[in-house]
Amino acid sequence: MSTFILAFSAFLFVIVIMAVGYIFQQKRISGSCGGLDALGIEKACDCEKPCAKKRARLRNERRLNVQIIEE
């Protein structure tokens, strides 16, 4: 049981130190290799035709925008 408590305390200590460092630096979290921008990709989905779920969401957003403008 003491090994578990020691390991848990060590992980907790590291997480707290990382959180304090993040708070003081106030930098955005970024990947180490540059992410999609390094590959020249502008967005995560380069599909010509979005999937049904995304099309429904876009229709919903457009419908809501039209209702807000009309009121």
PDB file of N, CA and C in Angstrom:
ATOM      1  N   MET A   1       0.824  -1.196   0.000  1.00  0.00           N
ATOM      2  CA  MET A   1       0.000   0.000   0.000  1.00  0.00           C
ATOM      3  C   MET A   1       0.869   1.260   0.000  1.00  0.00           C
ATOM      4  N   SER A   2       1.992   1.194   0.667  1.00  0.00           N
ATOM      5  CA  SER A   2       2.869   2.369   0.714  1.00  0.00           C
ATOM      6  C   SER A   2       3.444   2.683  -0.659  1.00  0.00           C
ATOM      7  N   THR A   3       3.663   1.659  -1.497  1.00  0.00           N
ATOM      8  CA  THR A   3       4.155   1.883  -2.861  1.00  0.00           C
ATOM      9  C   THR A   3       3.116   2.649  -3.673  1.00  0.00           C
ATOM     10  N   PHE A   4       1.869   2.266  -3.522  1.00  0.00           N
ATOM     11  CA  PHE A   4       0.784   2.957  -4.226  1.00  0.00           C
ATOM     12  C   PHE A   4       0.715   4.424  -3.806  1.00  0.00           C
ATOM     13  N   ILE A   5       0.778   4.691  -2.524  1.00  0.00           N
ATOM     14  CA  ILE A   5       0.699   6.065  -2.016  1.00  0.00           C
ATOM     15  C   ILE A   5       1.893   6.874  -2.510  1.00  0.00           C
ATOM     16  N   LEU A   6       3.078   6.284  -2.506  1.00  0.00           N
ATOM     17  CA  LEU A   6       4.271   6.964  -2.990  1.00  0.00           C
ATOM     18  C   LEU A   6       4.156   7.288  -4.485  1.00  0.00           C
ATOM     19  N   ALA A   7       3.710   6.312  -5.281  1.00  0.00           N
ATOM     20  CA  ALA A   7       3.553   6.531  -6.728  1.00  0.00           C
ATOM     21  C   ALA A   7       2.481   7.579  -7.003  1.00  0.00           C
ATOM     22  N   PHE A   8       1.374   7.503  -6.294  1.00  0.00           N
ATOM     23  CA  PHE A   8       0.290   8.476  -6.477  1.00  0.00           C
ATOM     24  C   PHE A   8       0.771   9.879  -6.110  1.00  0.00           C
ATOM     25  N   SER A   9       1.518   9.988  -5.026  1.00  0.00           N
ATOM     26  CA  SER A   9       2.048  11.287  -4.605  1.00  0.00           C
ATOM     27  C   SER A   9       3.014  11.847  -5.639  1.00  0.00           C
ATOM     28  N   ALA A  10       3.840  10.988  -6.223  1.00  0.00           N
ATOM     29  CA  ALA A  10       4.796  11.437  -7.234  1.00  0.00           C
ATOM     30  C   ALA A  10       4.059  11.956  -8.470  1.00  0.00           C
ATOM     31  N   PHE A  11       3.054  11.220  -8.933  1.00  0.00           N
ATOM     32  CA  PHE A  11       2.279  11.677 -10.093  1.00  0.00           C
ATOM     33  C   PHE A  11       1.553  12.989  -9.784  1.00  0.00           C
ATOM     34  N   LEU A  12       0.983  13.076  -8.621  1.00  0.00           N
ATOM     35  CA  LEU A  12       0.279  14.292  -8.227  1.00  0.00           C
ATOM     36  C   LEU A  12       1.235  15.478  -8.175  1.00  0.00           C
ATOM     37  N   PHE A  13       2.424  15.273  -7.643  1.00  0.00           N
ATOM     38  CA  PHE A  13       3.429  16.328  -7.573  1.00  0.00           C
ATOM     39  C   PHE A  13       3.801  16.816  -8.970  1.00  0.00           C
ATOM     40  N   VAL A  14       4.033  15.891  -9.897  1.00  0.00           N
ATOM     41  CA  VAL A  14       4.399  16.257 -11.270  1.00  0.00           C
ATOM     42  C   VAL A  14       3.267  17.028 -11.936  1.00  0.00           C
ATOM     43  N   ILE A  15       2.037  16.607 -11.750  1.00  0.00           N
ATOM     44  CA  ILE A  15       0.892  17.288 -12.346  1.00  0.00           C
ATOM     45  C   ILE A  15       0.758  18.706 -11.783  1.00  0.00           C
ATOM     46  N   VAL A  16       0.945  18.866 -10.489  1.00  0.00           N
ATOM     47  CA  VAL A  16       0.863  20.202  -9.871  1.00  0.00           C
ATOM     48  C   VAL A  16       1.967  21.104 -10.410  1.00  0.00           C
ATOM     49  N   ILE A  17       3.183  20.596 -10.530  1.00  0.00           N
ATOM     50  CA  ILE A  17       4.297  21.387 -11.058  1.00  0.00           C
ATOM     51  C   ILE A  17       4.015  21.809 -12.499  1.00  0.00           C
ATOM     52  N   MET A  18       3.478  20.899 -13.326  1.00  0.00           N
ATOM     53  CA  MET A  18       3.149  21.246 -14.709  1.00  0.00           C
ATOM     54  C   MET A  18       2.054  22.303 -14.746  1.00  0.00           C
ATOM     55  N   ALA A  19       1.063  22.201 -13.886  1.00  0.00           N
ATOM     56  CA  ALA A  19      -0.029  23.177 -13.850  1.00  0.00           C
ATOM     57  C   ALA A  19       0.494  24.554 -13.453  1.00  0.00           C
ATOM     58  N   VAL A  20       1.360  24.603 -12.472  1.00  0.00           N
ATOM     59  CA  VAL A  20       1.933  25.889 -12.048  1.00  0.00           C
ATOM     60  C   VAL A  20       2.755  26.503 -13.181  1.00  0.00           C
ATOM     61  N   GLY A  21       3.542  25.691 -13.851  1.00  0.00           N
ATOM     62  CA  GLY A  21       4.322  26.184 -14.985  1.00  0.00           C
ATOM     63  C   GLY A  21       3.436  26.716 -16.095  1.00  0.00           C
ATOM     64  N   TYR A  22       2.353  26.024 -16.374  1.00  0.00           N
ATOM     65  CA  TYR A  22       1.424  26.479 -17.415  1.00  0.00           C
ATOM     66  C   TYR A  22       0.768  27.795 -17.026  1.00  0.00           C
ATOM     67  N   ILE A  23       0.390  27.941 -15.772  1.00  0.00           N
ATOM     68  CA  ILE A  23      -0.270  29.157 -15.310  1.00  0.00           C
ATOM     69  C   ILE A  23       0.676  30.352 -15.427  1.00  0.00           C
ATOM     70  N   PHE A  24       1.934  30.191 -15.054  1.00  0.00           N
ATOM     71  CA  PHE A  24       2.871  31.306 -15.088  1.00  0.00           C
ATOM     72  C   PHE A  24       3.327  31.652 -16.499  1.00  0.00           C
ATOM     73  N   GLN A  25       3.444  30.678 -17.377  1.00  0.00           N
ATOM     74  CA  GLN A  25       3.891  30.951 -18.742  1.00  0.00           C
ATOM     75  C   GLN A  25       2.773  31.516 -19.601  1.00  0.00           C
ATOM     76  N   GLN A  26       1.549  31.173 -19.332  1.00  0.00           N
ATOM     77  CA  GLN A  26       0.371  31.631 -20.071  1.00  0.00           C
ATOM     78  C   GLN A  26       0.522  31.417 -21.575  1.00  0.00           C
ATOM     79  N   LYS A  27       1.032  30.266 -21.965  1.00  0.00           N
ATOM     80  CA  LYS A  27       1.175  29.921 -23.366  1.00  0.00           C
ATOM     81  C   LYS A  27       0.137  28.871 -23.730  1.00  0.00           C
ATOM     82  N   ARG A  28      -0.249  28.861 -24.990  1.00  0.00           N
ATOM     83  CA  ARG A  28      -1.160  27.829 -25.461  1.00  0.00           C
ATOM     84  C   ARG A  28      -0.434  26.502 -25.502  1.00  0.00           C
ATOM     85  N   ILE A  29      -1.160  25.439 -25.233  1.00  0.00           N
ATOM     86  CA  ILE A  29      -0.578  24.101 -25.320  1.00  0.00           C
ATOM     87  C   ILE A  29      -0.493  23.737 -26.802  1.00  0.00           C
ATOM     88  N   SER A  30       0.673  23.283 -27.246  1.00  0.00           N
ATOM     89  CA  SER A  30       0.838  22.906 -28.643  1.00  0.00           C
ATOM     90  C   SER A  30       1.613  21.598 -28.723  1.00  0.00           C
ATOM     91  N   GLY A  31       1.472  20.945 -29.839  1.00  0.00           N
ATOM     92  CA  GLY A  31       2.173  19.689 -30.042  1.00  0.00           C
ATOM     93  C   GLY A  31       3.654  19.908 -30.284  1.00  0.00           C
ATOM     94  N   SER A  32       4.432  18.886 -30.123  1.00  0.00           N
ATOM     95  CA  SER A  32       5.878  19.023 -30.281  1.00  0.00           C
ATOM     96  C   SER A  32       6.300  19.048 -31.747  1.00  0.00           C
ATOM     97  N   CYS A  33       5.463  18.554 -32.650  1.00  0.00           N
ATOM     98  CA  CYS A  33       5.879  18.478 -34.054  1.00  0.00           C
ATOM     99  C   CYS A  33       5.125  19.475 -34.937  1.00  0.00           C
ATOM    100  N   GLY A  34       4.358  20.379 -34.390  1.00  0.00           N
ATOM    101  CA  GLY A  34       3.710  21.403 -35.184  1.00  0.00           C
ATOM    102  C   GLY A  34       2.297  21.081 -35.619  1.00  0.00           C
ATOM    103  N   GLY A  35       1.868  19.868 -35.503  1.00  0.00           N
ATOM    104  CA  GLY A  35       0.491  19.506 -35.826  1.00  0.00           C
ATOM    105  C   GLY A  35       0.179  19.613 -37.307  1.00  0.00           C
ATOM    106  N   LEU A  36      -1.081  19.893 -37.616  1.00  0.00           N
ATOM    107  CA  LEU A  36      -1.542  19.948 -39.004  1.00  0.00           C
ATOM    108  C   LEU A  36      -0.917  21.091 -39.776  1.00  0.00           C
ATOM    109  N   ASP A  37      -0.594  22.191 -39.094  1.00  0.00           N
ATOM    110  CA  ASP A  37      -0.011  23.348 -39.766  1.00  0.00           C
ATOM    111  C   ASP A  37       1.345  22.992 -40.379  1.00  0.00           C
ATOM    112  N   ALA A  38       2.101  22.141 -39.724  1.00  0.00           N
ATOM    113  CA  ALA A  38       3.404  21.736 -40.246  1.00  0.00           C
ATOM    114  C   ALA A  38       3.266  20.915 -41.527  1.00  0.00           C
ATOM    115  N   LEU A  39       2.121  20.262 -41.703  1.00  0.00           N
ATOM    116  CA  LEU A  39       1.882  19.463 -42.903  1.00  0.00           C
ATOM    117  C   LEU A  39       1.245  20.266 -44.024  1.00  0.00           C
ATOM    118  N   GLY A  40       0.901  21.514 -43.750  1.00  0.00           N
ATOM    119  CA  GLY A  40       0.272  22.351 -44.762  1.00  0.00           C
ATOM    120  C   GLY A  40      -1.221  22.127 -44.884  1.00  0.00           C
ATOM    121  N   ILE A  41      -1.836  21.507 -43.886  1.00  0.00           N
ATOM    122  CA  ILE A  41      -3.270  21.249 -43.904  1.00  0.00           C
ATOM    123  C   ILE A  41      -3.967  22.358 -43.131  1.00  0.00           C
ATOM    124  N   GLU A  42      -4.951  23.001 -43.754  1.00  0.00           N
ATOM    125  CA  GLU A  42      -5.625  24.125 -43.121  1.00  0.00           C
ATOM    126  C   GLU A  42      -6.662  23.705 -42.096  1.00  0.00           C
ATOM    127  N   LYS A  43      -7.277  22.558 -42.291  1.00  0.00           N
ATOM    128  CA  LYS A  43      -8.320  22.107 -41.370  1.00  0.00           C
ATOM    129  C   LYS A  43      -8.224  20.600 -41.199  1.00  0.00           C
ATOM    130  N   ALA A  44      -8.879  20.096 -40.171  1.00  0.00           N
ATOM    131  CA  ALA A  44      -8.791  18.676 -39.863  1.00  0.00           C
ATOM    132  C   ALA A  44      -9.533  17.817 -40.878  1.00  0.00           C
ATOM    133  N   CYS A  45     -10.576  18.343 -41.470  1.00  0.00           N
ATOM    134  CA  CYS A  45     -11.378  17.566 -42.412  1.00  0.00           C
ATOM    135  C   CYS A  45     -11.251  18.179 -43.801  1.00  0.00           C
ATOM    136  N   ASP A  46     -10.582  17.507 -44.706  1.00  0.00           N
ATOM    137  CA  ASP A  46     -10.440  17.981 -46.076  1.00  0.00           C
ATOM    138  C   ASP A  46     -11.426  17.296 -47.016  1.00  0.00           C
ATOM    139  N   CYS A  47     -12.551  16.836 -46.489  1.00  0.00           N
ATOM    140  CA  CYS A  47     -13.543  16.134 -47.299  1.00  0.00           C
ATOM    141  C   CYS A  47     -14.255  17.116 -48.232  1.00  0.00           C
ATOM    142  N   GLU A  48     -14.507  16.676 -49.462  1.00  0.00           N
ATOM    143  CA  GLU A  48     -15.272  17.513 -50.387  1.00  0.00           C
ATOM    144  C   GLU A  48     -16.731  17.571 -49.960  1.00  0.00           C
ATOM    145  N   LYS A  49     -17.256  16.435 -49.514  1.00  0.00           N
ATOM    146  CA  LYS A  49     -18.642  16.365 -49.067  1.00  0.00           C
ATOM    147  C   LYS A  49     -18.645  15.895 -47.615  1.00  0.00           C
ATOM    148  N   PRO A  50     -19.108  16.750 -46.682  1.00  0.00           N
ATOM    149  CA  PRO A  50     -19.099  16.359 -45.263  1.00  0.00           C
ATOM    150  C   PRO A  50     -20.051  15.200 -44.983  1.00  0.00           C
ATOM    151  N   CYS A  51     -19.822  14.526 -43.878  1.00  0.00           N
ATOM    152  CA  CYS A  51     -20.681  13.411 -43.499  1.00  0.00           C
ATOM    153  C   CYS A  51     -22.079  13.910 -43.121  1.00  0.00           C
ATOM    154  N   ALA A  52     -23.021  12.998 -42.997  1.00  0.00           N
ATOM    155  CA  ALA A  52     -24.416  13.357 -42.732  1.00  0.00           C
ATOM    156  C   ALA A  52     -24.571  14.113 -41.420  1.00  0.00           C
ATOM    157  N   LYS A  53     -23.818  13.720 -40.419  1.00  0.00           N
ATOM    158  CA  LYS A  53     -23.920  14.375 -39.117  1.00  0.00           C
ATOM    159  C   LYS A  53     -23.495  15.852 -39.206  1.00  0.00           C
ATOM    160  N   LYS A  54     -22.401  16.110 -39.935  1.00  0.00           N
ATOM    161  CA  LYS A  54     -21.926  17.492 -40.080  1.00  0.00           C
ATOM    162  C   LYS A  54     -22.884  18.301 -40.946  1.00  0.00           C
ATOM    163  N   ARG A  55     -23.444  17.702 -42.006  1.00  0.00           N
ATOM    164  CA  ARG A  55     -24.405  18.427 -42.841  1.00  0.00           C
ATOM    165  C   ARG A  55     -25.622  18.834 -42.025  1.00  0.00           C
ATOM    166  N   ALA A  56     -26.100  17.937 -41.155  1.00  0.00           N
ATOM    167  CA  ALA A  56     -27.254  18.256 -40.303  1.00  0.00           C
ATOM    168  C   ALA A  56     -26.913  19.392 -39.353  1.00  0.00           C
ATOM    169  N   ARG A  57     -25.712  19.363 -38.776  1.00  0.00           N
ATOM    170  CA  ARG A  57     -25.300  20.428 -37.862  1.00  0.00           C
ATOM    171  C   ARG A  57     -25.211  21.767 -38.599  1.00  0.00           C
ATOM    172  N   LEU A  58     -24.670  21.772 -39.812  1.00  0.00           N
ATOM    173  CA  LEU A  58     -24.572  23.006 -40.591  1.00  0.00           C
ATOM    174  C   LEU A  58     -25.954  23.545 -40.945  1.00  0.00           C
ATOM    175  N   ARG A  59     -26.885  22.639 -41.322  1.00  0.00           N
ATOM    176  CA  ARG A  59     -28.255  23.076 -41.616  1.00  0.00           C
ATOM    177  C   ARG A  59     -28.885  23.709 -40.385  1.00  0.00           C
ATOM    178  N   ASN A  60     -28.669  23.094 -39.235  1.00  0.00           N
ATOM    179  CA  ASN A  60     -29.201  23.607 -37.974  1.00  0.00           C
ATOM    180  C   ASN A  60     -28.640  24.999 -37.672  1.00  0.00           C
ATOM    181  N   GLU A  61     -27.328  25.161 -37.864  1.00  0.00           N
ATOM    182  CA  GLU A  61     -26.703  26.462 -37.609  1.00  0.00           C
ATOM    183  C   GLU A  61     -27.257  27.529 -38.547  1.00  0.00           C
ATOM    184  N   ARG A  62     -27.404  27.168 -39.810  1.00  0.00           N
ATOM    185  CA  ARG A  62     -27.951  28.138 -40.770  1.00  0.00           C
ATOM    186  C   ARG A  62     -29.382  28.521 -40.407  1.00  0.00           C
ATOM    187  N   ARG A  63     -30.178  27.526 -40.003  1.00  0.00           N
ATOM    188  CA  ARG A  63     -31.571  27.794 -39.626  1.00  0.00           C
ATOM    189  C   ARG A  63     -31.628  28.717 -38.422  1.00  0.00           C
ATOM    190  N   LEU A  64     -30.774  28.481 -37.437  1.00  0.00           N
ATOM    191  CA  LEU A  64     -30.760  29.332 -36.255  1.00  0.00           C
ATOM    192  C   LEU A  64     -30.308  30.742 -36.590  1.00  0.00           C
ATOM    193  N   ASN A  65     -29.327  30.889 -37.456  1.00  0.00           N
ATOM    194  CA  ASN A  65     -28.853  32.216 -37.858  1.00  0.00           C
ATOM    195  C   ASN A  65     -29.944  32.988 -38.574  1.00  0.00           C
ATOM    196  N   VAL A  66     -30.707  32.323 -39.441  1.00  0.00           N
ATOM    197  CA  VAL A  66     -31.790  32.988 -40.164  1.00  0.00           C
ATOM    198  C   VAL A  66     -32.868  33.462 -39.204  1.00  0.00           C
ATOM    199  N   GLN A  67     -33.207  32.646 -38.216  1.00  0.00           N
ATOM    200  CA  GLN A  67     -34.240  33.038 -37.259  1.00  0.00           C
ATOM    201  C   GLN A  67     -33.791  34.227 -36.431  1.00  0.00           C
ATOM    202  N   ILE A  68     -32.541  34.284 -36.051  1.00  0.00           N
ATOM    203  CA  ILE A  68     -32.034  35.397 -35.248  1.00  0.00           C
ATOM    204  C   ILE A  68     -32.069  36.686 -36.051  1.00  0.00           C
ATOM    205  N   ILE A  69     -31.692  36.622 -37.307  1.00  0.00           N
ATOM    206  CA  ILE A  69     -31.665  37.815 -38.158  1.00  0.00           C
ATOM    207  C   ILE A  69     -33.082  38.333 -38.394  1.00  0.00           C
ATOM    208  N   GLU A  70     -34.057  37.421 -38.598  1.00  0.00           N
ATOM    209  CA  GLU A  70     -35.423  37.836 -38.899  1.00  0.00           C
ATOM    210  C   GLU A  70     -36.110  38.484 -37.717  1.00  0.00           C
ATOM    211  N   GLU A  71     -35.754  38.137 -36.499  1.00  0.00           N
ATOM    212  CA  GLU A  71     -36.411  38.690 -35.320  1.00  0.00           C
ATOM    213  C   GLU A  71     -35.969  40.061 -35.078  1.00  0.00           C
TER     214      GLU A  71
END
